[in-house]
Amino acid sequence: MTPATTFALIGAGRVATALGVLLQRAGHRIVAASGRSASAERVRRYLPDTRFAPAPEAARAAAVVVLGVVDDAIEPTCA
C-alpha cells in the first residue's frame, strides 16, 4: 500500500469536494480552505473529518494543492 498523501483543497466547491471524497476513499488526507460558507458546509457534509485552515496554511500542510477557484480568483488566491 502506498503511503497517504495530504491534499489541500483551496476553493472547495463542487468539483474539489467530489475530488476530495475520491481521494479520501483512496486513503489520502484532506485539508480544505474555502471562503464561501456554502462550500464549507458541503465539505463538512461529505468530508466530516476534514480540517479547515486558511488557504496559506492549508497549502503548507499539503504535499499536493488543488486550486478549485473560479478563473478570476486564481491570481489573488495565489498571491
Foldseek 3Di string as FASTA:
>chain_A
DDDAFEEEEEAQDDVNLVVVLVSVVVPHAYEYEHPDPVSVVSNCVRPVVHHYDHLVVSVVVGPYYDYDDPPVCPVVSVD
